[in-house]
Amino acid sequence: MTELSIAFSPCPNDTFIFHAMLNRGIDTCSYTFSSHIDDVETLNTAAFIKRYQITKLSFYAYLILKDEYELLDSGSALGFGCGPLLVMQKGKRFSADSRIAVPGNYTTAFLLLKLWNPEIRNIVVTRFDRILPGVQSGEYDAGLIIHEGRFIYPEYGCTKIIDLGEWWEKETNLPIPLGCIAIRKDPETIAHKEQVELLIRNSVLYAKKNRAASRSFVRQHAQELDDKVIDGHIDLYVNDFSVSLGTTGRKAVETLEEMARWKKII
């Protein structure tokens, strides 16, 4: 048996995707996996010291770490109408000097914010699930929200300043590349790339055909336990691009890199 370390976030799209692979819903042949679940920014940071062999990464982090990790064709989060939102309390006015909570230095959300408005400077890095409470309490003037936050921000008295996914789509006519699964490039690990890609693809396909099978696992790790929120999250972030990036998905990643390099962000 070959054991590989794999890390992903507690968000419903990731736990939905990997449930079958980790719980024998599919045949993993000679592979077993030691799984690690943590906030995506924690995983981004861990990748700089190459802690895990297979890991979820924000695409921003992946673009920085291309020499160390290789993008896998399956397991990514791309799509239309699923980008991060910049929100603030109703009645307040936004400016480039507003104190903005962002979910991490290496998140794609933060990269998109910098691409949209390079003048923004007053940034506070905050775990994603603490951003909306912080905006509600007045600790932050505005918050950059991801994951389940886009479904529940009105409950915190917030209004949308901009949908950075919509902005990206108008600029590029491409799906927004948010997160990916990458494999370490050291020889002992990269040798398993094709097999791992196949297992992830099969796990995604199993999950889509057997939605109820993963529900307990998904709920165990989700921040929001309402089934409508969980289903909305999965429907938004698990799609054909999660099965395979394809030509369009890879074009979206290349375009993000080109824009970031042109703006001298990476």
C-alpha atoms as a PDB file:
ATOM      1  CA  MET A   1       0.000   0.000   0.000  1.00  0.00           C
ATOM      2  CA  THR A   2       1.074   3.564  -0.710  1.00  0.00           C
ATOM      3  CA  GLU A   3       0.070   6.231   1.809  1.00  0.00           C
ATOM      4  CA  LEU A   4       0.013   9.879   0.793  1.00  0.00           C
ATOM      5  CA  SER A   5      -0.801  12.948   2.875  1.00  0.00           C
ATOM      6  CA  ILE A   6      -3.695  15.039   1.602  1.00  0.00           C
ATOM      7  CA  ALA A   7      -4.983  18.352   2.958  1.00  0.00           C
ATOM      8  CA  PHE A   8      -8.156  20.241   2.140  1.00  0.00           C
ATOM      9  CA  SER A   9     -10.510  22.764   3.692  1.00  0.00           C
ATOM     10  CA  PRO A  10     -13.571  22.073   5.872  1.00  0.00           C
ATOM     11  CA  CYS A  11     -15.814  23.781   3.312  1.00  0.00           C
ATOM     12  CA  PRO A  12     -18.686  21.695   1.887  1.00  0.00           C
ATOM     13  CA  ASN A  13     -17.283  21.574  -1.641  1.00  0.00           C
ATOM     14  CA  ASP A  14     -14.015  19.994  -0.443  1.00  0.00           C
ATOM     15  CA  THR A  15     -15.506  17.538   2.038  1.00  0.00           C
ATOM     16  CA  PHE A  16     -18.121  16.610  -0.569  1.00  0.00           C
ATOM     17  CA  ILE A  17     -15.398  15.937  -3.157  1.00  0.00           C
ATOM     18  CA  PHE A  18     -13.055  13.909  -0.954  1.00  0.00           C
ATOM     19  CA  HIS A  19     -15.545  11.904   1.101  1.00  0.00           C
ATOM     20  CA  ALA A  20     -15.657   8.882  -1.227  1.00  0.00           C
ATOM     21  CA  MET A  21     -11.898   8.846  -1.692  1.00  0.00           C
ATOM     22  CA  LEU A  22     -11.261   8.785   2.042  1.00  0.00           C
ATOM     23  CA  ASN A  23     -14.130   6.526   3.062  1.00  0.00           C
ATOM     24  CA  ARG A  24     -13.937   3.743   0.492  1.00  0.00           C
ATOM     25  CA  GLY A  25     -16.835   4.986  -1.557  1.00  0.00           C
ATOM     26  CA  ILE A  26     -14.599   4.304  -4.528  1.00  0.00           C
ATOM     27  CA  ASP A  27     -11.843   1.790  -5.153  1.00  0.00           C
ATOM     28  CA  THR A  28      -8.567   3.512  -4.247  1.00  0.00           C
ATOM     29  CA  CYS A  29      -6.551   0.503  -5.417  1.00  0.00           C
ATOM     30  CA  SER A  30      -3.243   0.431  -3.551  1.00  0.00           C
ATOM     31  CA  TYR A  31      -3.579   3.929  -2.086  1.00  0.00           C
ATOM     32  CA  THR A  32      -4.460   5.131   1.377  1.00  0.00           C
ATOM     33  CA  PHE A  33      -4.507   8.742   2.503  1.00  0.00           C
ATOM     34  CA  SER A  34      -3.731  10.525   5.742  1.00  0.00           C
ATOM     35  CA  SER A  35      -6.094  13.484   5.651  1.00  0.00           C
ATOM     36  CA  HIS A  36      -5.658  16.926   7.212  1.00  0.00           C
ATOM     37  CA  ILE A  37      -8.468  19.473   7.275  1.00  0.00           C
ATOM     38  CA  ASP A  38      -7.824  23.157   7.872  1.00  0.00           C
ATOM     39  CA  ASP A  39      -8.656  26.664   6.704  1.00  0.00           C
ATOM     40  CA  VAL A  40      -7.424  27.266   3.157  1.00  0.00           C
ATOM     41  CA  GLU A  41      -5.082  30.087   4.197  1.00  0.00           C
ATOM     42  CA  THR A  42      -3.479  27.758   6.741  1.00  0.00           C
ATOM     43  CA  LEU A  43      -2.982  25.264   3.909  1.00  0.00           C
ATOM     44  CA  ASN A  44      -1.577  27.983   1.653  1.00  0.00           C
ATOM     45  CA  THR A  45       0.978  28.835   4.326  1.00  0.00           C
ATOM     46  CA  ALA A  46       1.816  25.160   4.962  1.00  0.00           C
ATOM     47  CA  ALA A  47       2.578  24.705   1.270  1.00  0.00           C
ATOM     48  CA  PHE A  48       5.497  27.117   1.527  1.00  0.00           C
ATOM     49  CA  ILE A  49       7.252  24.523   3.683  1.00  0.00           C
ATOM     50  CA  LYS A  50       5.858  21.666   1.533  1.00  0.00           C
ATOM     51  CA  ARG A  51       4.093  20.079   4.489  1.00  0.00           C
ATOM     52  CA  TYR A  52       1.570  17.982   2.533  1.00  0.00           C
ATOM     53  CA  GLN A  53       2.050  15.876  -0.573  1.00  0.00           C
ATOM     54  CA  ILE A  54      -1.378  16.703  -1.989  1.00  0.00           C
ATOM     55  CA  THR A  55      -3.074  19.908  -0.916  1.00  0.00           C
ATOM     56  CA  LYS A  56      -5.866  22.355  -1.532  1.00  0.00           C
ATOM     57  CA  LEU A  57      -4.463  25.747  -2.506  1.00  0.00           C
ATOM     58  CA  SER A  58      -5.897  29.073  -3.449  1.00  0.00           C
ATOM     59  CA  PHE A  59      -4.958  29.707  -7.075  1.00  0.00           C
ATOM     60  CA  TYR A  60      -3.036  32.780  -5.919  1.00  0.00           C
ATOM     61  CA  ALA A  61      -0.859  30.592  -3.687  1.00  0.00           C
ATOM     62  CA  TYR A  62      -0.475  28.024  -6.450  1.00  0.00           C
ATOM     63  CA  LEU A  63       0.802  30.666  -8.892  1.00  0.00           C
ATOM     64  CA  ILE A  64       3.464  31.645  -6.375  1.00  0.00           C
ATOM     65  CA  LEU A  65       4.379  27.999  -5.669  1.00  0.00           C
ATOM     66  CA  LYS A  66       4.436  26.596  -9.209  1.00  0.00           C
ATOM     67  CA  ASP A  67       8.048  25.488  -8.815  1.00  0.00           C
ATOM     68  CA  GLU A  68       7.097  23.329  -5.821  1.00  0.00           C
ATOM     69  CA  TYR A  69       3.591  22.065  -6.654  1.00  0.00           C
ATOM     70  CA  GLU A  70       1.902  20.905  -9.849  1.00  0.00           C
ATOM     71  CA  LEU A  71      -1.736  21.600 -10.599  1.00  0.00           C
ATOM     72  CA  LEU A  72      -4.035  18.561 -10.731  1.00  0.00           C
ATOM     73  CA  ASP A  73      -6.756  18.382 -13.358  1.00  0.00           C
ATOM     74  CA  SER A  74      -9.492  17.368 -10.901  1.00  0.00           C
ATOM     75  CA  GLY A  75     -10.818  18.820  -7.652  1.00  0.00           C
ATOM     76  CA  SER A  76     -10.629  22.534  -8.460  1.00  0.00           C
ATOM     77  CA  ALA A  77     -13.190  25.220  -7.667  1.00  0.00           C
ATOM     78  CA  LEU A  78     -13.931  27.405 -10.685  1.00  0.00           C
ATOM     79  CA  GLY A  79     -17.162  28.730 -12.018  1.00  0.00           C
ATOM     80  CA  PHE A  80     -19.465  31.558 -12.922  1.00  0.00           C
ATOM     81  CA  GLY A  81     -21.385  33.495 -10.293  1.00  0.00           C
ATOM     82  CA  CYS A  82     -19.290  32.142  -7.422  1.00  0.00           C
ATOM     83  CA  GLY A  83     -16.693  34.809  -6.710  1.00  0.00           C
ATOM     84  CA  PRO A  84     -15.839  36.570  -3.443  1.00  0.00           C
ATOM     85  CA  LEU A  85     -17.927  39.526  -2.310  1.00  0.00           C
ATOM     86  CA  LEU A  86     -16.796  42.752  -0.710  1.00  0.00           C
ATOM     87  CA  VAL A  87     -19.452  43.773   1.832  1.00  0.00           C
ATOM     88  CA  MET A  88     -20.015  46.367   4.530  1.00  0.00           C
ATOM     89  CA  GLN A  89     -22.706  47.445   6.971  1.00  0.00           C
ATOM     90  CA  LYS A  90     -25.731  49.090   5.383  1.00  0.00           C
ATOM     91  CA  GLY A  91     -25.560  52.870   5.424  1.00  0.00           C
ATOM     92  CA  LYS A  92     -21.767  53.114   5.511  1.00  0.00           C
ATOM     93  CA  ARG A  93     -19.615  54.484   2.709  1.00  0.00           C
ATOM     94  CA  PHE A  94     -16.680  52.580   1.236  1.00  0.00           C
ATOM     95  CA  SER A  95     -13.343  54.122   0.297  1.00  0.00           C
ATOM     96  CA  ALA A  96      -9.836  52.896  -0.452  1.00  0.00           C
ATOM     97  CA  ASP A  97      -8.943  53.797   3.155  1.00  0.00           C
ATOM     98  CA  SER A  98     -11.667  51.594   4.678  1.00  0.00           C
ATOM     99  CA  ARG A  99     -10.407  48.961   7.116  1.00  0.00           C
ATOM    100  CA  ILE A 100     -11.003  45.715   5.210  1.00  0.00           C
ATOM    101  CA  ALA A 101     -10.869  42.191   6.604  1.00  0.00           C
ATOM    102  CA  VAL A 102      -9.575  39.663   4.062  1.00  0.00           C
ATOM    103  CA  PRO A 103      -9.436  35.865   4.452  1.00  0.00           C
ATOM    104  CA  GLY A 104      -5.701  35.527   3.850  1.00  0.00           C
ATOM    105  CA  ASN A 105      -2.646  36.996   2.156  1.00  0.00           C
ATOM    106  CA  TYR A 106      -2.512  34.184  -0.394  1.00  0.00           C
ATOM    107  CA  THR A 107      -6.222  33.728  -1.117  1.00  0.00           C
ATOM    108  CA  THR A 108      -7.493  34.273  -4.636  1.00  0.00           C
ATOM    109  CA  ALA A 109     -10.084  36.597  -3.115  1.00  0.00           C
ATOM    110  CA  PHE A 110      -7.322  38.940  -1.951  1.00  0.00           C
ATOM    111  CA  LEU A 111      -5.597  38.749  -5.346  1.00  0.00           C
ATOM    112  CA  LEU A 112      -8.865  39.725  -7.064  1.00  0.00           C
ATOM    113  CA  LEU A 113      -9.350  42.612  -4.633  1.00  0.00           C
ATOM    114  CA  LYS A 114      -5.884  43.941  -5.513  1.00  0.00           C
ATOM    115  CA  LEU A 115      -6.553  43.518  -9.230  1.00  0.00           C
ATOM    116  CA  TRP A 116      -9.858  45.391  -8.897  1.00  0.00           C
ATOM    117  CA  ASN A 117      -8.498  48.266  -6.798  1.00  0.00           C
ATOM    118  CA  PRO A 118      -4.708  48.467  -6.379  1.00  0.00           C
ATOM    119  CA  GLU A 119      -5.119  51.530  -4.130  1.00  0.00           C
ATOM    120  CA  ILE A 120      -6.558  49.523  -1.230  1.00  0.00           C
ATOM    121  CA  ARG A 121      -4.031  49.446   1.609  1.00  0.00           C
ATOM    122  CA  ASN A 122      -5.822  49.145   4.977  1.00  0.00           C
ATOM    123  CA  ILE A 123      -5.972  45.357   5.160  1.00  0.00           C
ATOM    124  CA  VAL A 124      -6.448  43.070   8.164  1.00  0.00           C
ATOM    125  CA  VAL A 125      -5.992  39.326   7.615  1.00  0.00           C
ATOM    126  CA  THR A 126      -8.809  37.491   9.387  1.00  0.00           C
ATOM    127  CA  ARG A 127      -9.996  33.885   9.346  1.00  0.00           C
ATOM    128  CA  PHE A 128     -12.861  33.668   6.845  1.00  0.00           C
ATOM    129  CA  ASP A 129     -15.518  32.682   9.385  1.00  0.00           C
ATOM    130  CA  ARG A 130     -14.723  35.699  11.601  1.00  0.00           C
ATOM    131  CA  ILE A 131     -15.094  38.331   8.906  1.00  0.00           C
ATOM    132  CA  LEU A 132     -18.866  38.815   8.929  1.00  0.00           C
ATOM    133  CA  PRO A 133     -19.109  39.017  12.747  1.00  0.00           C
ATOM    134  CA  GLY A 134     -16.270  41.549  12.658  1.00  0.00           C
ATOM    135  CA  VAL A 135     -18.013  43.708  10.072  1.00  0.00           C
ATOM    136  CA  GLN A 136     -21.275  43.459  12.022  1.00  0.00           C
ATOM    137  CA  SER A 137     -19.605  44.583  15.256  1.00  0.00           C
ATOM    138  CA  GLY A 138     -17.786  47.477  13.579  1.00  0.00           C
ATOM    139  CA  GLU A 139     -14.329  45.997  14.105  1.00  0.00           C
ATOM    140  CA  TYR A 140     -13.864  46.226  10.337  1.00  0.00           C
ATOM    141  CA  ASP A 141     -15.347  48.737   7.902  1.00  0.00           C
ATOM    142  CA  ALA A 142     -15.724  46.086   5.216  1.00  0.00           C
ATOM    143  CA  GLY A 143     -15.080  42.412   4.670  1.00  0.00           C
ATOM    144  CA  LEU A 144     -14.040  40.232   1.775  1.00  0.00           C
ATOM    145  CA  ILE A 145     -16.169  37.105   2.126  1.00  0.00           C
ATOM    146  CA  ILE A 146     -15.811  33.660   0.598  1.00  0.00           C
ATOM    147  CA  HIS A 147     -17.362  30.210   0.995  1.00  0.00           C
ATOM    148  CA  GLU A 148     -20.704  30.133   2.832  1.00  0.00           C
ATOM    149  CA  GLY A 149     -20.442  33.850   3.568  1.00  0.00           C
ATOM    150  CA  ARG A 150     -21.935  34.802   0.217  1.00  0.00           C
ATOM    151  CA  PHE A 151     -25.184  33.050   1.198  1.00  0.00           C
ATOM    152  CA  ILE A 152     -25.631  34.588   4.645  1.00  0.00           C
ATOM    153  CA  TYR A 153     -24.160  38.114   4.646  1.00  0.00           C
ATOM    154  CA  PRO A 154     -27.609  39.828   4.734  1.00  0.00           C
ATOM    155  CA  GLU A 155     -28.186  38.114   8.086  1.00  0.00           C
ATOM    156  CA  TYR A 156     -25.294  40.217   9.438  1.00  0.00           C
ATOM    157  CA  GLY A 157     -26.826  43.474   8.225  1.00  0.00           C
ATOM    158  CA  CYS A 158     -24.360  43.737   5.369  1.00  0.00           C
ATOM    159  CA  THR A 159     -24.770  44.991   1.835  1.00  0.00           C
ATOM    160  CA  LYS A 160     -22.647  44.172  -1.204  1.00  0.00           C
ATOM    161  CA  ILE A 161     -20.092  46.682  -2.482  1.00  0.00           C
ATOM    162  CA  ILE A 162     -18.908  44.540  -5.391  1.00  0.00           C
ATOM    163  CA  ASP A 163     -19.065  40.959  -6.544  1.00  0.00           C
ATOM    164  CA  LEU A 164     -15.487  40.313  -7.645  1.00  0.00           C
ATOM    165  CA  GLY A 165     -16.627  37.236  -9.549  1.00  0.00           C
ATOM    166  CA  GLU A 166     -18.934  39.337 -11.700  1.00  0.00           C
ATOM    167  CA  TRP A 167     -16.114  41.857 -12.185  1.00  0.00           C
ATOM    168  CA  TRP A 168     -13.752  39.073 -13.279  1.00  0.00           C
ATOM    169  CA  GLU A 169     -16.301  37.613 -15.697  1.00  0.00           C
ATOM    170  CA  LYS A 170     -16.902  41.008 -17.347  1.00  0.00           C
ATOM    171  CA  GLU A 171     -13.151  41.507 -17.711  1.00  0.00           C
ATOM    172  CA  THR A 172     -12.325  38.063 -19.085  1.00  0.00           C
ATOM    173  CA  ASN A 173     -15.479  36.159 -20.137  1.00  0.00           C
ATOM    174  CA  LEU A 174     -13.983  33.228 -18.232  1.00  0.00           C
ATOM    175  CA  PRO A 175     -14.919  31.285 -15.084  1.00  0.00           C
ATOM    176  CA  ILE A 176     -13.250  32.541 -11.948  1.00  0.00           C
ATOM    177  CA  PRO A 177     -10.447  30.237 -10.699  1.00  0.00           C
ATOM    178  CA  LEU A 178     -10.686  30.163  -6.910  1.00  0.00           C
ATOM    179  CA  GLY A 179      -9.055  27.034  -5.501  1.00  0.00           C
ATOM    180  CA  CYS A 180      -7.219  23.991  -6.796  1.00  0.00           C
ATOM    181  CA  ILE A 181      -5.699  20.703  -5.724  1.00  0.00           C
ATOM    182  CA  ALA A 182      -1.953  20.451  -6.274  1.00  0.00           C
ATOM    183  CA  ILE A 183       0.653  17.728  -5.818  1.00  0.00           C
ATOM    184  CA  ARG A 184       4.194  18.206  -4.598  1.00  0.00           C
ATOM    185  CA  LYS A 185       6.859  17.979  -7.298  1.00  0.00           C
ATOM    186  CA  ASP A 186       9.413  15.895  -5.411  1.00  0.00           C
ATOM    187  CA  PRO A 187      10.120  12.670  -7.370  1.00  0.00           C
ATOM    188  CA  GLU A 188       8.582  10.282  -4.828  1.00  0.00           C
ATOM    189  CA  THR A 189       5.295  12.208  -4.848  1.00  0.00           C
ATOM    190  CA  ILE A 190       4.910  13.427  -8.439  1.00  0.00           C
ATOM    191  CA  ALA A 191       5.216   9.837  -9.645  1.00  0.00           C
ATOM    192  CA  HIS A 192       1.667   9.290  -8.341  1.00  0.00           C
ATOM    193  CA  LYS A 193       0.137  12.259 -10.162  1.00  0.00           C
ATOM    194  CA  GLU A 194      -1.900  10.380 -12.775  1.00  0.00           C
ATOM    195  CA  GLN A 195      -3.276   7.875 -10.296  1.00  0.00           C
ATOM    196  CA  VAL A 196      -4.203  10.603  -7.802  1.00  0.00           C
ATOM    197  CA  GLU A 197      -5.927  12.655 -10.502  1.00  0.00           C
ATOM    198  CA  LEU A 198      -7.993   9.631 -11.470  1.00  0.00           C
ATOM    199  CA  LEU A 199      -8.973   8.923  -7.861  1.00  0.00           C
ATOM    200  CA  ILE A 200     -10.042  12.514  -7.268  1.00  0.00           C
ATOM    201  CA  ARG A 201     -12.034  12.528 -10.509  1.00  0.00           C
ATOM    202  CA  ASN A 202     -13.778   9.301  -9.517  1.00  0.00           C
ATOM    203  CA  SER A 203     -14.461  10.686  -6.053  1.00  0.00           C
ATOM    204  CA  VAL A 204     -16.078  13.808  -7.538  1.00  0.00           C
ATOM    205  CA  LEU A 205     -18.219  11.749  -9.890  1.00  0.00           C
ATOM    206  CA  TYR A 206     -19.294   9.437  -7.062  1.00  0.00           C
ATOM    207  CA  ALA A 207     -20.211  12.412  -4.881  1.00  0.00           C
ATOM    208  CA  LYS A 208     -22.325  13.983  -7.621  1.00  0.00           C
ATOM    209  CA  LYS A 209     -24.211  10.721  -8.196  1.00  0.00           C
ATOM    210  CA  ASN A 210     -24.599   9.899  -4.478  1.00  0.00           C
ATOM    211  CA  ARG A 211     -25.187  13.256  -2.807  1.00  0.00           C
ATOM    212  CA  ALA A 212     -26.606  11.852   0.414  1.00  0.00           C
ATOM    213  CA  ALA A 213     -23.613   9.586   1.063  1.00  0.00           C
ATOM    214  CA  SER A 214     -21.326  12.424   2.156  1.00  0.00           C
ATOM    215  CA  ARG A 215     -23.843  14.547   4.087  1.00  0.00           C
ATOM    216  CA  SER A 216     -22.786  13.461   7.577  1.00  0.00           C
ATOM    217  CA  PHE A 217     -19.100  14.037   6.727  1.00  0.00           C
ATOM    218  CA  VAL A 218     -19.877  17.425   5.184  1.00  0.00           C
ATOM    219  CA  ARG A 219     -21.989  18.566   8.139  1.00  0.00           C
ATOM    220  CA  GLN A 220     -19.298  17.426  10.570  1.00  0.00           C
ATOM    221  CA  HIS A 221     -16.942  20.091   9.210  1.00  0.00           C
ATOM    222  CA  ALA A 222     -19.241  22.828   7.855  1.00  0.00           C
ATOM    223  CA  GLN A 223     -19.454  26.278   9.430  1.00  0.00           C
ATOM    224  CA  GLU A 224     -23.116  26.615   8.451  1.00  0.00           C
ATOM    225  CA  LEU A 225     -25.280  23.539   9.111  1.00  0.00           C
ATOM    226  CA  ASP A 226     -28.415  24.573   7.252  1.00  0.00           C
ATOM    227  CA  ASP A 227     -28.929  22.018   4.469  1.00  0.00           C
ATOM    228  CA  LYS A 228     -30.013  24.702   1.992  1.00  0.00           C
ATOM    229  CA  VAL A 229     -26.765  26.596   2.592  1.00  0.00           C
ATOM    230  CA  ILE A 230     -24.721  23.403   2.254  1.00  0.00           C
ATOM    231  CA  ASP A 231     -26.508  22.397  -0.949  1.00  0.00           C
ATOM    232  CA  GLY A 232     -26.144  25.893  -2.376  1.00  0.00           C
ATOM    233  CA  HIS A 233     -22.440  25.861  -1.588  1.00  0.00           C
ATOM    234  CA  ILE A 234     -21.902  22.481  -3.243  1.00  0.00           C
ATOM    235  CA  ASP A 235     -23.979  23.372  -6.294  1.00  0.00           C
ATOM    236  CA  LEU A 236     -21.990  26.559  -6.780  1.00  0.00           C
ATOM    237  CA  TYR A 237     -18.458  25.241  -6.344  1.00  0.00           C
ATOM    238  CA  VAL A 238     -18.628  21.601  -7.500  1.00  0.00           C
ATOM    239  CA  ASN A 239     -19.223  21.469 -11.243  1.00  0.00           C
ATOM    240  CA  ASP A 240     -17.701  20.216 -14.485  1.00  0.00           C
ATOM    241  CA  PHE A 241     -14.484  22.127 -13.756  1.00  0.00           C
ATOM    242  CA  SER A 242     -14.152  20.057 -10.575  1.00  0.00           C
ATOM    243  CA  VAL A 243     -14.186  16.910 -12.689  1.00  0.00           C
ATOM    244  CA  SER A 244     -11.654  18.317 -15.159  1.00  0.00           C
ATOM    245  CA  LEU A 245     -10.262  21.804 -15.698  1.00  0.00           C
ATOM    246  CA  GLY A 246     -10.472  21.370 -19.457  1.00  0.00           C
ATOM    247  CA  THR A 247      -9.315  23.982 -21.953  1.00  0.00           C
ATOM    248  CA  THR A 248     -11.523  26.736 -20.540  1.00  0.00           C
ATOM    249  CA  GLY A 249     -10.450  26.142 -16.963  1.00  0.00           C
ATOM    250  CA  ARG A 250      -6.776  26.184 -17.840  1.00  0.00           C
ATOM    251  CA  LYS A 251      -7.286  29.368 -19.876  1.00  0.00           C
ATOM    252  CA  ALA A 252      -8.858  30.986 -16.809  1.00  0.00           C
ATOM    253  CA  VAL A 253      -5.818  30.070 -14.684  1.00  0.00           C
ATOM    254  CA  GLU A 254      -3.420  31.386 -17.329  1.00  0.00           C
ATOM    255  CA  THR A 255      -5.380  34.641 -17.557  1.00  0.00           C
ATOM    256  CA  LEU A 256      -5.294  35.125 -13.785  1.00  0.00           C
ATOM    257  CA  GLU A 257      -1.524  34.653 -13.845  1.00  0.00           C
ATOM    258  CA  GLU A 258      -1.105  37.066 -16.757  1.00  0.00           C
ATOM    259  CA  MET A 259      -3.169  39.766 -15.025  1.00  0.00           C
ATOM    260  CA  ALA A 260      -1.282  39.313 -11.742  1.00  0.00           C
ATOM    261  CA  ARG A 261       2.085  39.543 -13.486  1.00  0.00           C
ATOM    262  CA  TRP A 262       1.018  42.566 -15.520  1.00  0.00           C
ATOM    263  CA  LYS A 263      -0.014  44.320 -12.287  1.00  0.00           C
ATOM    264  CA  LYS A 264       3.297  43.127 -10.722  1.00  0.00           C
ATOM    265  CA  ILE A 265       1.477  41.331  -7.913  1.00  0.00           C
ATOM    266  CA  ILE A 266       3.400  38.097  -8.468  1.00  0.00           C
END
